């Protein structure tokens, strides 16, 4: 009876892994329900590729979680295998020993999580302890490995993960966060060292650390999840499935090469995209949402894309992961059809999303720091007639014309200023929202700090106000959203936005009619993007700090 307790009482006991708190930004625990959702997707793919076979009834399949924290993936795999192998291995103890010693493997990310994972999987922090449900291990660690590793410092940075030596070279009493999978010259050799020569895993699954908080903090911290994906692919499992942030879809700090490699990899067969990370990890602040993908080594093809958000109906479509003329992953299935309608009108083609050069709105948008002034720059009081008005973070000021080193061709023209940081709701993803901060008209003789991008130049106030009305349209801002990976609104996010005739004001009704949008597409846009009202064409000192209040 004691050997069966962990399984037979499961349905009546509360699951401790549903209520433990996250330890840090690196140690965000995966809820059991979500882990099982990923395992269900894996099982469906296995069955489809193996004439309906049940992966959980296969005693030779090996699983690896190379960044285990709570041990939830390994525990749930063990539970499923214990049920699935009941016919092949009738004796429960023999079955459990076979699963835990030959099929289920993990690499913990810290000493503490190694103990937690072993407790979840073996029911004991020691795999060979008296309370362990496994009876075939000689070592305390079992098949959940952890040993302290050190970074390899080169000129103040780790050559493998980019960590700061100043921050993380801090003595043996603290964790190094030098994760085994990504701190190796040859990951296959490293795995052989950990688990024995010739070890080949059929399935790699898990939830890797997302960023390296070594002084960057928050959204400016360097992402590292892409390194885990790359190393996992290098191990060549039959299937790879991970839950990672969705910022890679359209860009993000240090993710350009990773995005390109993912978008050109036709072995990614499904992406389940969650617009709000809180729907997956309750209480975790992570802007931009998360997704889990399934990579199938032996069955390349198109990708099944599913979009999830709260109680909205799940949208699912099978399509290329990279559309012709795009350099990002188009996040919404409905968004793809809308974008294709816009591109078809502007390009007179039906097979490319790439706008002609003379139709690209992003050509009107400046790069960051259009006039050379940083965000923290503060102008002074006006001292002479020739001083220029500068719109800056939290207000206005004046600067001498001679101090402007960039963007001088914009000074005497009409233009628009739009915030570099979009309005937000803290760390929550909510819909509908405005996508961009409210833009405003900049008169001749005005400039801005890095707080704003500059859009222009325009020859008249009428043209500038026409563009302003266009940016307030929901469709325009929806097209911005399709290329926007984070809260930052750079020139690049305007890639899918076409230019218009700037002799008149624009409304969504005008745009919906021009591009032939359906009632359903219009309803989708208006469910994603909030209205934006312009009450005047002058700067509001609150513009730089707008919040998207619900």
Protein backbone atom coordinates (compact mmCIF):
# COMPACT_ATOMS: atom_id res chain seq x y z
CA UNK A 1 0.00 0.00 0.00
CA UNK A 2 2.81 2.44 0.87
CA UNK A 3 4.32 2.05 -2.60
CA UNK A 4 1.01 3.10 -4.14
CA UNK A 5 0.21 6.11 -1.97
CA UNK A 6 1.60 8.78 -4.31
CA UNK A 7 -0.69 7.56 -7.07
CA UNK A 8 -3.87 6.27 -5.41
CA UNK A 9 -4.42 9.29 -3.14
CA UNK A 10 -3.69 11.82 -5.86
CA UNK A 11 -7.33 12.57 -6.67
CA UNK A 12 -8.21 13.41 -3.06
CA UNK A 13 -5.19 15.41 -1.94
CA UNK A 14 -4.64 19.04 -2.96
CA UNK A 15 -1.72 19.48 -5.36
CA UNK A 16 1.04 21.39 -3.59
CA UNK A 17 2.49 22.51 -6.93
CA UNK A 18 -0.60 24.63 -7.57
CA UNK A 19 0.03 26.85 -4.58
CA UNK A 20 3.79 27.28 -4.06
CA UNK A 21 5.15 30.76 -4.72
CA UNK A 22 7.74 31.56 -7.37
CA UNK A 23 11.24 31.97 -5.99
CA UNK A 24 12.65 34.55 -8.43
CA UNK A 25 12.45 35.82 -12.00
CA UNK A 26 14.36 32.69 -13.07
CA UNK A 27 12.29 30.28 -11.00
CA UNK A 28 8.74 30.77 -12.27
CA UNK A 29 6.91 27.52 -11.65
CA UNK A 30 4.66 26.00 -14.30
CA UNK A 31 1.12 25.24 -13.09
CA UNK A 32 0.30 21.50 -13.34
CA UNK A 33 -2.76 22.18 -15.51
CA UNK A 34 -0.63 23.99 -18.08
CA UNK A 35 2.09 21.34 -18.00
CA UNK A 36 -0.59 18.77 -18.80
CA UNK A 37 -1.85 20.90 -21.67
CA UNK A 38 1.63 20.78 -23.19
CA UNK A 39 1.84 17.04 -22.61
CA UNK A 40 -1.52 16.59 -24.31
CA UNK A 41 -0.26 18.40 -27.41
CA UNK A 42 2.84 16.20 -27.39
CA UNK A 43 0.75 13.04 -27.14
CA UNK A 44 -1.43 14.10 -30.07
CA UNK A 45 1.62 14.74 -32.25
CA UNK A 46 3.15 11.38 -31.30
CA UNK A 47 -0.07 9.56 -32.14
CA UNK A 48 -0.39 11.35 -35.48
CA UNK A 49 3.15 10.33 -36.46
CA UNK A 50 2.93 6.76 -35.12
CA UNK A 51 -0.37 5.39 -36.44
CA UNK A 52 -2.32 6.39 -33.35
CA UNK A 53 0.15 4.92 -30.84
CA UNK A 54 0.02 6.06 -27.21
CA UNK A 55 3.31 7.64 -26.17
CA UNK A 56 2.51 6.85 -22.52
CA UNK A 57 2.36 3.14 -23.31
CA UNK A 58 5.89 3.14 -24.76
CA UNK A 59 8.50 1.91 -22.31
CA UNK A 60 11.48 3.03 -24.41
CA UNK A 61 10.73 6.76 -24.81
CA UNK A 62 13.13 9.00 -22.87
CA UNK A 63 12.12 12.43 -21.53
CA UNK A 64 14.34 15.31 -20.40
CA UNK A 65 13.49 18.54 -18.63
CA UNK A 66 16.86 20.34 -18.84
CA UNK A 67 15.82 23.26 -16.61
CA UNK A 68 13.54 21.66 -14.06
CA UNK A 69 12.32 23.75 -11.15
CA UNK A 70 9.30 22.29 -9.35
CA UNK A 71 9.60 18.99 -11.22
CA UNK A 72 6.02 19.30 -12.49
CA UNK A 73 6.76 18.12 -16.04
CA UNK A 74 8.68 15.06 -14.84
CA UNK A 75 6.03 14.28 -12.24
CA UNK A 76 3.17 14.46 -14.73
CA UNK A 77 5.09 12.39 -17.28
CA UNK A 78 5.73 9.78 -14.60
CA UNK A 79 2.05 9.73 -13.67
CA UNK A 80 0.97 9.22 -17.28
CA UNK A 81 3.57 6.52 -17.92
CA UNK A 82 2.55 4.71 -14.74
CA UNK A 83 -0.97 4.38 -16.10
CA UNK A 84 0.05 3.74 -19.71
CA UNK A 85 2.54 0.96 -18.96
CA UNK A 86 0.26 -0.99 -16.61
CA UNK A 87 -0.33 -3.75 -19.18
CA UNK A 88 3.31 -4.12 -20.24
CA UNK A 89 4.71 -3.98 -16.67
CA UNK A 90 1.91 -5.14 -14.33
CA UNK A 91 3.91 -4.91 -11.08
CA UNK A 92 3.62 -1.33 -9.83
CA UNK A 93 7.03 -1.15 -8.15
CA UNK A 94 8.81 -2.58 -11.17
CA UNK A 95 6.90 -0.17 -13.40
CA UNK A 96 7.78 2.87 -11.29
CA UNK A 97 11.44 1.84 -11.06
CA UNK A 98 11.63 1.36 -14.82
CA UNK A 99 10.08 4.79 -15.50
CA UNK A 100 12.19 6.70 -13.01
CA UNK A 101 15.53 5.03 -13.77
CA UNK A 102 15.25 4.66 -17.56
CA UNK A 103 12.74 7.13 -18.94
CA UNK A 104 12.54 10.36 -16.90
CA UNK A 105 15.52 12.73 -16.54
CA UNK A 106 16.02 16.29 -15.38
CA UNK A 107 18.64 19.01 -14.91
CA UNK A 108 17.81 21.42 -12.08
CA UNK A 109 18.65 25.11 -12.35
CA UNK A 110 19.59 25.63 -8.67
CA UNK A 111 20.36 23.51 -5.65
CA UNK A 112 17.01 24.38 -4.08
CA UNK A 113 15.00 23.45 -7.17
CA UNK A 114 16.91 20.18 -7.45
CA UNK A 115 15.61 19.23 -3.99
CA UNK A 116 12.12 20.41 -4.87
CA UNK A 117 12.06 18.48 -8.14
CA UNK A 118 13.26 15.26 -6.50
CA UNK A 119 10.60 15.68 -3.83
CA UNK A 120 7.96 16.06 -6.55
CA UNK A 121 9.13 13.10 -8.62
CA UNK A 122 10.62 10.65 -6.11
CA UNK A 123 8.56 11.81 -3.09
CA UNK A 124 11.90 12.32 -1.35
CA UNK A 125 14.72 14.84 -1.69
CA UNK A 126 17.03 11.81 -1.84
CA UNK A 127 16.34 9.48 -4.76
CA UNK A 128 17.73 6.53 -2.80
CA UNK A 129 16.20 7.50 0.53
CA UNK A 130 13.81 5.35 2.59
CA UNK A 131 10.78 7.43 1.52
CA UNK A 132 11.62 7.44 -2.19
CA UNK A 133 9.14 5.63 -4.44
CA UNK A 134 12.12 4.60 -6.60
CA UNK A 135 14.06 1.57 -5.41
CA UNK A 136 16.64 1.36 -8.19
CA UNK A 137 18.93 4.31 -7.52
CA UNK A 138 22.33 4.08 -5.87
CA UNK A 139 22.81 7.86 -5.61
CA UNK A 140 20.89 10.59 -3.82
CA UNK A 141 20.44 12.59 -7.02
CA UNK A 142 18.85 9.85 -9.10
CA UNK A 143 18.20 11.12 -12.61
CA UNK A 144 17.66 14.75 -11.54
CA UNK A 145 21.11 16.27 -11.78
CA UNK A 146 22.48 19.40 -10.25
CA UNK A 147 26.02 20.56 -9.55
CA UNK A 148 27.22 24.09 -9.07
CA UNK A 149 28.72 25.49 -12.28
CA UNK A 150 30.77 28.62 -12.85
CA UNK A 151 30.61 31.19 -15.62
CA UNK A 152 33.50 31.54 -18.04
CA UNK A 153 34.51 35.19 -17.85
CA UNK A 154 35.95 37.02 -20.85
CA UNK A 155 36.44 40.77 -20.49
CA UNK A 156 33.81 41.01 -17.75
CA UNK A 157 31.14 38.88 -19.45
CA UNK A 158 30.37 35.16 -19.54
CA UNK A 159 31.22 33.85 -23.00
CA UNK A 160 28.23 31.49 -22.93
CA UNK A 161 25.33 33.51 -21.51
CA UNK A 162 26.62 37.10 -21.41
CA UNK A 163 26.25 37.45 -17.63
CA UNK A 164 28.04 40.33 -15.92
CA UNK A 165 31.09 39.27 -13.92
CA UNK A 166 30.62 42.26 -11.66
CA UNK A 167 27.15 41.06 -10.66
CA UNK A 168 27.35 37.25 -10.65
CA UNK A 169 30.96 36.50 -9.67
CA UNK A 170 29.98 36.67 -6.04
CA UNK A 171 31.25 33.78 -3.97
CA UNK A 172 30.21 30.23 -3.14
CA UNK A 173 27.42 31.17 -0.74
CA UNK A 174 25.18 32.42 -3.59
CA UNK A 175 23.86 30.77 -6.76
CA UNK A 176 25.86 31.46 -9.91
CA UNK A 177 22.91 30.98 -12.33
CA UNK A 178 25.38 29.31 -14.71
CA UNK A 179 22.89 26.85 -16.20
CA UNK A 180 24.34 23.55 -17.34
CA UNK A 181 22.57 23.28 -20.70
CA UNK A 182 23.87 26.60 -22.03
CA UNK A 183 27.35 26.58 -20.48
CA UNK A 184 29.02 23.99 -22.65
CA UNK A 185 31.13 23.90 -25.81
CA UNK A 186 29.35 20.75 -26.98
CA UNK A 187 25.94 20.08 -25.48
CA UNK A 188 25.81 16.44 -26.65
CA UNK A 189 29.10 15.72 -24.92
CA UNK A 190 27.82 17.47 -21.81
CA UNK A 191 24.67 15.35 -21.71
CA UNK A 192 26.75 12.20 -22.11
CA UNK A 193 28.87 13.29 -19.14
CA UNK A 194 25.77 13.80 -17.00
CA UNK A 195 23.69 10.75 -17.93
CA UNK A 196 26.04 8.32 -19.66
CA UNK A 197 27.49 7.90 -23.13
CA UNK A 198 25.14 7.54 -26.05
CA UNK A 199 22.19 9.03 -24.18
CA UNK A 200 19.57 10.18 -26.69
CA UNK A 201 16.34 11.83 -25.61
CA UNK A 202 13.12 11.44 -27.58
CA UNK A 203 11.36 14.37 -25.89
CA UNK A 204 12.75 17.57 -24.37
CA UNK A 205 10.18 19.60 -22.50
CA UNK A 206 10.07 22.42 -19.99
CA UNK A 207 9.94 26.07 -19.01
CA UNK A 208 13.42 27.66 -19.21
CA UNK A 209 14.64 30.76 -17.37
CA UNK A 210 13.50 33.77 -19.41
CA UNK A 211 16.02 36.48 -18.65
CA UNK A 212 19.29 37.18 -16.95
CA UNK A 213 18.75 39.76 -14.22
CA UNK A 214 22.35 40.81 -13.75
CA UNK A 215 21.75 44.53 -13.42
CA UNK A 216 19.43 45.17 -16.36
CA UNK A 217 16.26 44.60 -14.34
CA UNK A 218 12.73 44.16 -15.68
CA UNK A 219 12.08 44.58 -19.38
CA UNK A 220 15.66 45.76 -20.04
CA UNK A 221 17.22 42.56 -18.68
CA UNK A 222 18.81 40.37 -21.33
CA UNK A 223 16.72 37.40 -22.53
CA UNK A 224 18.35 33.97 -22.33
CA UNK A 225 15.49 31.58 -23.13
CA UNK A 226 16.58 31.53 -26.77
CA UNK A 227 19.89 29.94 -25.73
CA UNK A 228 18.03 27.02 -24.16
CA UNK A 229 15.93 26.51 -27.29
CA UNK A 230 19.03 26.49 -29.48
CA UNK A 231 20.87 24.00 -27.26
CA UNK A 232 17.82 21.75 -27.00
CA UNK A 233 17.53 21.64 -30.79
CA UNK A 234 21.23 20.74 -30.97
CA UNK A 235 20.45 17.58 -28.95
CA UNK A 236 18.17 16.50 -31.84
CA UNK A 237 15.26 15.05 -29.87
CA UNK A 238 12.28 13.73 -31.80
CA UNK A 239 10.10 16.35 -30.12
CA UNK A 240 10.85 19.61 -28.37
CA UNK A 241 8.21 21.65 -26.56
CA UNK A 242 8.83 24.71 -24.37
CA UNK A 243 6.87 27.60 -22.93
CA UNK A 244 8.67 30.90 -23.61
CA UNK A 245 7.83 34.62 -23.87
CA UNK A 246 6.13 35.69 -27.12
CA UNK A 247 8.34 38.73 -27.67
CA UNK A 248 10.46 36.75 -30.11
CA UNK A 249 7.56 36.88 -32.60
CA UNK A 250 8.45 40.42 -33.66
CA UNK A 251 11.83 41.27 -32.15
CA UNK A 252 13.07 42.06 -28.70
CA UNK A 253 16.49 42.71 -27.24
CA UNK A 254 19.09 40.36 -28.74
CA UNK A 255 16.48 38.15 -30.41
CA UNK A 256 16.82 38.99 -34.11
CA UNK A 257 18.94 35.95 -35.01
CA UNK A 258 16.80 33.68 -32.88
CA UNK A 259 13.60 34.99 -34.47
CA UNK A 260 14.98 34.37 -37.95
CA UNK A 261 16.02 30.83 -37.05
CA UNK A 262 12.58 30.05 -35.62
CA UNK A 263 10.64 31.60 -38.51
CA UNK A 264 12.62 29.62 -41.08
CA UNK A 265 12.33 26.31 -39.21
CA UNK A 266 9.46 24.31 -40.70
CA UNK A 267 9.77 21.71 -37.96
CA UNK A 268 7.83 24.01 -35.62
CA UNK A 269 4.45 22.36 -36.10
CA UNK A 270 2.32 24.17 -33.53
CA UNK A 271 2.31 27.40 -31.52
CA UNK A 272 -0.19 28.01 -28.73
CA UNK A 273 -0.06 31.74 -28.08
CA UNK A 274 -1.43 33.27 -24.85
CA UNK A 275 -1.91 37.01 -25.21
CA UNK A 276 -1.79 37.46 -21.45
CA UNK A 277 0.93 35.70 -19.47
CA UNK A 278 -1.35 35.89 -16.42
CA UNK A 279 -3.61 33.32 -18.09
CA UNK A 280 -0.72 30.85 -17.80
CA UNK A 281 1.23 32.09 -14.78
CA UNK A 282 -1.21 33.80 -12.38
CA UNK A 283 0.34 36.75 -10.63
CA UNK A 284 3.43 36.89 -12.86
CA UNK A 285 4.13 40.23 -14.56
CA UNK A 286 5.34 39.52 -18.09
CA UNK A 287 4.31 41.90 -20.85
CA UNK A 288 3.70 40.53 -24.32
CA UNK A 289 2.28 37.14 -23.38
CA UNK A 290 3.77 33.66 -23.62
CA UNK A 291 3.52 30.70 -25.96
CA UNK A 292 4.41 27.06 -26.09
CA UNK A 293 5.60 25.53 -29.30
CA UNK A 294 6.02 21.96 -30.53
CA UNK A 295 9.05 21.16 -32.69
CA UNK A 296 8.86 17.89 -34.61
CA UNK A 297 12.23 16.77 -35.93
CA UNK A 298 10.99 14.24 -38.48
CA UNK A 299 7.78 15.87 -39.77
CA UNK A 300 8.32 19.34 -41.26
CA UNK A 301 5.31 21.26 -42.54
CA UNK A 302 3.03 24.18 -41.86
CA UNK A 303 2.33 25.40 -38.34
CA UNK A 304 -0.94 25.12 -36.42
CA UNK A 305 -1.37 28.49 -34.69
CA UNK A 306 -3.83 28.87 -31.80
CA UNK A 307 -4.53 32.15 -30.01
CA UNK A 308 -5.81 32.12 -26.40
CA UNK A 309 -7.09 35.02 -24.33
CA UNK A 310 -9.26 34.71 -21.24
CA UNK A 311 -12.79 33.64 -22.25
CA UNK A 312 -12.46 34.49 -25.95
CA UNK A 313 -13.06 31.59 -28.36
CA UNK A 314 -9.74 29.95 -29.27
CA UNK A 315 -8.71 30.87 -32.82
CA UNK A 316 -6.83 28.11 -34.68
CA UNK A 317 -5.37 28.12 -38.19
CA UNK A 318 -2.76 26.06 -40.04
CA UNK A 319 -0.44 28.33 -41.99
CA UNK A 320 3.22 29.06 -42.80
CA UNK A 321 5.08 30.32 -39.76
CA UNK A 322 6.64 33.03 -41.95
CA UNK A 323 4.47 34.77 -44.52
CA UNK A 324 5.94 36.08 -47.77
CA UNK A 325 7.00 39.69 -47.39
CA UNK A 326 7.02 39.56 -43.58
CA UNK A 327 10.02 39.44 -41.26
CA UNK A 328 8.02 38.71 -38.11
CA UNK A 329 5.49 36.11 -37.02
CA UNK A 330 1.95 37.43 -37.56
CA UNK A 331 0.45 36.86 -34.16
CA UNK A 332 -3.30 36.84 -34.78
CA UNK A 333 -4.90 34.54 -37.34
CA UNK A 334 -7.52 37.21 -37.94
CA UNK A 335 -4.71 39.76 -38.14
CA UNK A 336 -3.17 37.87 -41.04
CA UNK A 337 -6.34 38.07 -43.11
CA UNK A 338 -6.67 41.80 -42.35
CA UNK A 339 -3.05 42.45 -43.22
CA UNK A 340 -3.42 40.57 -46.49
CA UNK A 341 -6.41 42.73 -47.46
CA UNK A 342 -4.44 45.91 -46.78
CA UNK A 343 -1.38 44.67 -48.67
CA UNK A 344 -3.47 43.50 -51.64
CA UNK A 345 -4.92 47.00 -52.10
CA UNK A 346 -1.58 48.77 -51.71
CA UNK A 347 0.55 46.33 -53.74
CA UNK A 348 -2.02 45.00 -56.24
CA UNK A 349 -0.73 41.55 -55.25
CA UNK A 350 -2.25 38.75 -53.24
CA UNK A 351 0.86 36.87 -52.19
CA UNK A 352 3.09 39.36 -50.40
CA UNK A 353 2.79 41.54 -47.30
CA UNK A 354 5.69 43.78 -48.32
CA UNK A 355 4.55 47.32 -49.09
CA UNK A 356 6.18 49.30 -51.93
CA UNK A 357 8.82 51.80 -50.79
CA UNK A 358 6.64 54.80 -51.63
CA UNK A 359 3.75 53.37 -49.58
CA UNK A 360 5.63 52.66 -46.35
CA UNK A 361 4.65 54.86 -43.42
CA UNK A 362 7.78 53.88 -41.50
CA UNK A 363 9.77 56.08 -43.90
CA UNK A 364 8.13 59.07 -42.20
CA UNK A 365 9.16 57.93 -38.72
CA UNK A 366 12.44 58.95 -37.14
CA UNK A 367 14.81 56.67 -35.33
CA UNK A 368 15.13 57.02 -31.58
CA UNK A 369 16.66 60.31 -30.40
CA UNK A 370 15.65 62.15 -33.57
CA UNK A 371 17.26 65.42 -32.44
CA UNK A 372 20.08 63.94 -30.36
CA UNK A 373 18.64 64.57 -26.88
CA UNK A 374 18.39 61.73 -24.35
CA UNK A 375 15.23 60.96 -22.36
CA UNK A 376 16.60 62.54 -19.20
CA UNK A 377 17.50 65.82 -20.95
CA UNK A 378 15.69 68.89 -19.58
CA UNK A 379 15.41 72.13 -21.52
CA UNK A 380 15.73 75.53 -19.84
CA UNK A 381 13.62 78.67 -19.83
CA UNK A 382 13.51 80.60 -23.11
CA UNK A 383 16.44 83.02 -23.30
CA UNK A 384 16.38 84.32 -26.85
CA UNK A 385 14.01 84.65 -29.79
CA UNK A 386 15.76 81.84 -31.71
CA UNK A 387 15.46 79.20 -28.99
CA UNK A 388 13.57 76.05 -29.96
CA UNK A 389 10.70 74.52 -28.01
CA UNK A 390 11.57 70.99 -26.87
CA UNK A 391 8.94 68.45 -25.84
CA UNK A 392 10.52 66.33 -23.13
CA UNK A 393 9.66 63.79 -20.49
CA UNK A 394 7.04 65.42 -18.27
CA UNK A 395 6.85 68.83 -19.90
CA UNK A 396 8.42 71.43 -22.17
CA UNK A 397 11.54 73.50 -22.26
CA UNK A 398 13.74 75.47 -24.63
CA UNK A 399 17.15 74.87 -26.18
CA UNK A 400 19.39 77.06 -28.36
CA UNK A 401 19.07 76.16 -32.04
CA UNK A 402 22.83 75.70 -32.31
CA UNK A 403 22.71 72.86 -29.73
CA UNK A 404 20.65 70.64 -32.08
CA UNK A 405 23.04 68.24 -33.82
CA UNK A 406 20.53 65.95 -35.57
CA UNK A 407 17.19 66.17 -37.35
CA UNK A 408 17.76 69.76 -38.41
CA UNK A 409 15.67 69.24 -41.58
CA UNK A 410 12.63 68.71 -39.33
CA UNK A 411 12.95 71.84 -37.24
CA UNK A 412 11.11 74.30 -39.47
CA UNK A 413 8.49 71.81 -40.65
CA UNK A 414 5.20 70.56 -39.27
CA UNK A 415 5.44 67.09 -37.73
CA UNK A 416 3.93 64.76 -35.19
CA UNK A 417 5.43 63.52 -31.95
CA UNK A 418 4.52 60.07 -30.62
CA UNK A 419 5.74 58.49 -27.38
CA UNK A 420 8.58 55.98 -27.64
CA UNK A 421 7.03 53.98 -24.79
CA UNK A 422 3.44 52.89 -25.29
CA UNK A 423 0.81 53.34 -22.56
CA UNK A 424 0.39 50.31 -20.39
CA UNK A 425 -1.23 48.68 -17.40
CA UNK A 426 1.84 47.89 -15.37
CA UNK A 427 2.79 44.29 -16.07
CA UNK A 428 -0.65 43.23 -17.33
CA UNK A 429 -1.73 42.57 -20.90
CA UNK A 430 -5.28 43.84 -21.30
CA UNK A 431 -7.51 44.26 -24.33
CA UNK A 432 -8.69 46.44 -25.82
CA UNK A 433 -5.86 48.94 -25.42
CA UNK A 434 -4.50 51.87 -27.37
CA UNK A 435 -1.24 50.32 -28.67
CA UNK A 436 0.53 53.72 -28.84
CA UNK A 437 0.56 56.88 -26.75
CA UNK A 438 -1.61 59.70 -28.04
CA UNK A 439 0.39 61.54 -30.72
CA UNK A 440 0.28 65.31 -31.06
CA UNK A 441 1.16 67.93 -33.67
CA UNK A 442 4.54 69.63 -33.44
CA UNK A 443 4.69 73.13 -34.92
CA UNK A 444 7.64 74.60 -36.84
CA UNK A 445 10.37 75.57 -34.41
CA UNK A 446 9.76 72.56 -32.15
CA UNK A 447 11.83 69.45 -31.43
CA UNK A 448 11.74 66.62 -28.86
CA UNK A 449 13.88 64.54 -26.59
CA UNK A 450 14.22 60.77 -26.92
CA UNK A 451 10.91 60.44 -25.09
CA UNK A 452 9.22 60.87 -28.48
CA UNK A 453 9.64 59.69 -32.04
CA UNK A 454 9.19 62.34 -34.71
CA UNK A 455 6.88 61.69 -37.68
CA UNK A 456 7.26 63.92 -40.72
CA UNK A 457 8.17 66.35 -42.14
CA UNK A 458 4.96 67.89 -43.50
CA UNK A 459 4.51 71.14 -45.39
CA UNK A 460 1.32 72.25 -43.68
CA UNK A 461 -0.68 71.91 -40.52
CA UNK A 462 -3.47 70.33 -42.58
CA UNK A 463 -1.18 67.47 -43.61
CA UNK A 464 0.02 66.95 -40.04
CA UNK A 465 -3.56 66.87 -38.73
CA UNK A 466 -4.52 64.37 -41.44
CA UNK A 467 -1.73 62.05 -40.26
CA UNK A 468 -2.83 62.60 -36.68
CA UNK A 469 -6.36 61.49 -37.52
CA UNK A 470 -4.93 58.43 -39.30
CA UNK A 471 -2.87 57.35 -36.28
CA UNK A 472 -5.97 57.62 -34.13
CA UNK A 473 -7.81 55.06 -36.30
CA UNK A 474 -8.12 51.61 -34.81
CA UNK A 475 -7.05 49.84 -38.01
CA UNK A 476 -3.83 51.86 -38.18
CA UNK A 477 -2.93 51.01 -34.61
CA UNK A 478 -3.85 47.36 -35.16
CA UNK A 479 -1.34 47.22 -38.03
CA UNK A 480 1.24 48.70 -35.64
CA UNK A 481 0.45 46.01 -33.07
CA UNK A 482 1.20 43.24 -35.58
CA UNK A 483 4.85 44.33 -35.64
CA UNK A 484 5.19 45.45 -32.02
CA UNK A 485 7.07 43.03 -29.71
CA UNK A 486 7.06 45.11 -26.52
CA UNK A 487 5.99 48.43 -25.02
CA UNK A 488 8.56 50.27 -27.14
CA UNK A 489 7.17 51.88 -30.29
CA UNK A 490 10.13 52.07 -32.65
CA UNK A 491 10.21 53.04 -36.31
CA UNK A 492 10.10 49.35 -37.24
CA UNK A 493 6.64 48.76 -35.75
CA UNK A 494 5.17 50.93 -38.53
CA UNK A 495 6.37 48.45 -41.21
CA UNK A 496 2.87 47.19 -42.08
CA UNK A 497 1.27 50.67 -42.06
CA UNK A 498 0.68 52.18 -45.53
CA UNK A 499 0.70 55.90 -46.26
CA UNK A 500 -2.49 57.68 -47.32
CA UNK A 501 -3.65 60.90 -48.98
CA UNK A 502 -2.83 63.60 -46.41
CA UNK A 503 -5.30 66.19 -47.71
CA UNK A 504 -8.23 65.08 -45.54
CA UNK A 505 -9.05 63.67 -42.09
CA UNK A 506 -9.26 59.86 -41.81
CA UNK A 507 -11.77 57.70 -39.95
CA UNK A 508 -11.97 53.97 -39.41
CA UNK A 509 -15.04 53.93 -41.60
CA UNK A 510 -12.96 55.30 -44.47
CA UNK A 511 -10.26 52.68 -43.93
CA UNK A 512 -12.64 49.75 -43.47
CA UNK A 513 -14.31 50.66 -46.77
CA UNK A 514 -11.02 51.20 -48.64
CA UNK A 515 -9.66 47.80 -47.67
CA UNK A 516 -12.92 45.86 -47.87
CA UNK A 517 -12.87 44.53 -44.31
CA UNK A 518 -15.63 42.16 -43.25
CA UNK A 519 -17.96 42.67 -40.32
CA UNK A 520 -16.12 39.94 -38.44
CA UNK A 521 -12.70 41.51 -39.08
CA UNK A 522 -13.95 44.90 -37.95
CA UNK A 523 -15.34 43.39 -34.76
CA UNK A 524 -12.00 41.71 -34.10
CA UNK A 525 -10.06 44.96 -34.52
CA UNK A 526 -12.43 46.80 -32.22
CA UNK A 527 -12.07 44.06 -29.61
CA UNK A 528 -8.29 44.52 -29.64
CA UNK A 529 -7.86 48.29 -30.04
CA UNK A 530 -9.46 51.01 -27.93
CA UNK A 531 -10.78 54.26 -29.42
CA UNK A 532 -8.42 57.22 -29.32
CA UNK A 533 -9.94 60.67 -29.15
CA UNK A 534 -8.06 63.84 -30.06
CA UNK A 535 -9.43 66.89 -28.29
CA UNK A 536 -6.78 69.31 -29.47
CA UNK A 537 -3.55 69.48 -31.43
CA UNK A 538 -1.35 70.78 -28.64
CA UNK A 539 0.92 68.91 -26.30
CA UNK A 540 -0.53 67.63 -23.05
CA UNK A 541 2.07 67.36 -20.29
CA UNK A 542 0.54 64.05 -19.22
CA UNK A 543 1.14 62.49 -22.66
CA UNK A 544 4.52 61.07 -21.70
CA UNK A 545 3.08 59.27 -18.71
CA UNK A 546 -0.29 58.09 -20.03
CA UNK A 547 -1.71 54.94 -18.49
CA UNK A 548 -4.16 52.66 -20.21
CA UNK A 549 -6.65 52.62 -17.38
CA UNK A 550 -9.41 50.05 -17.51
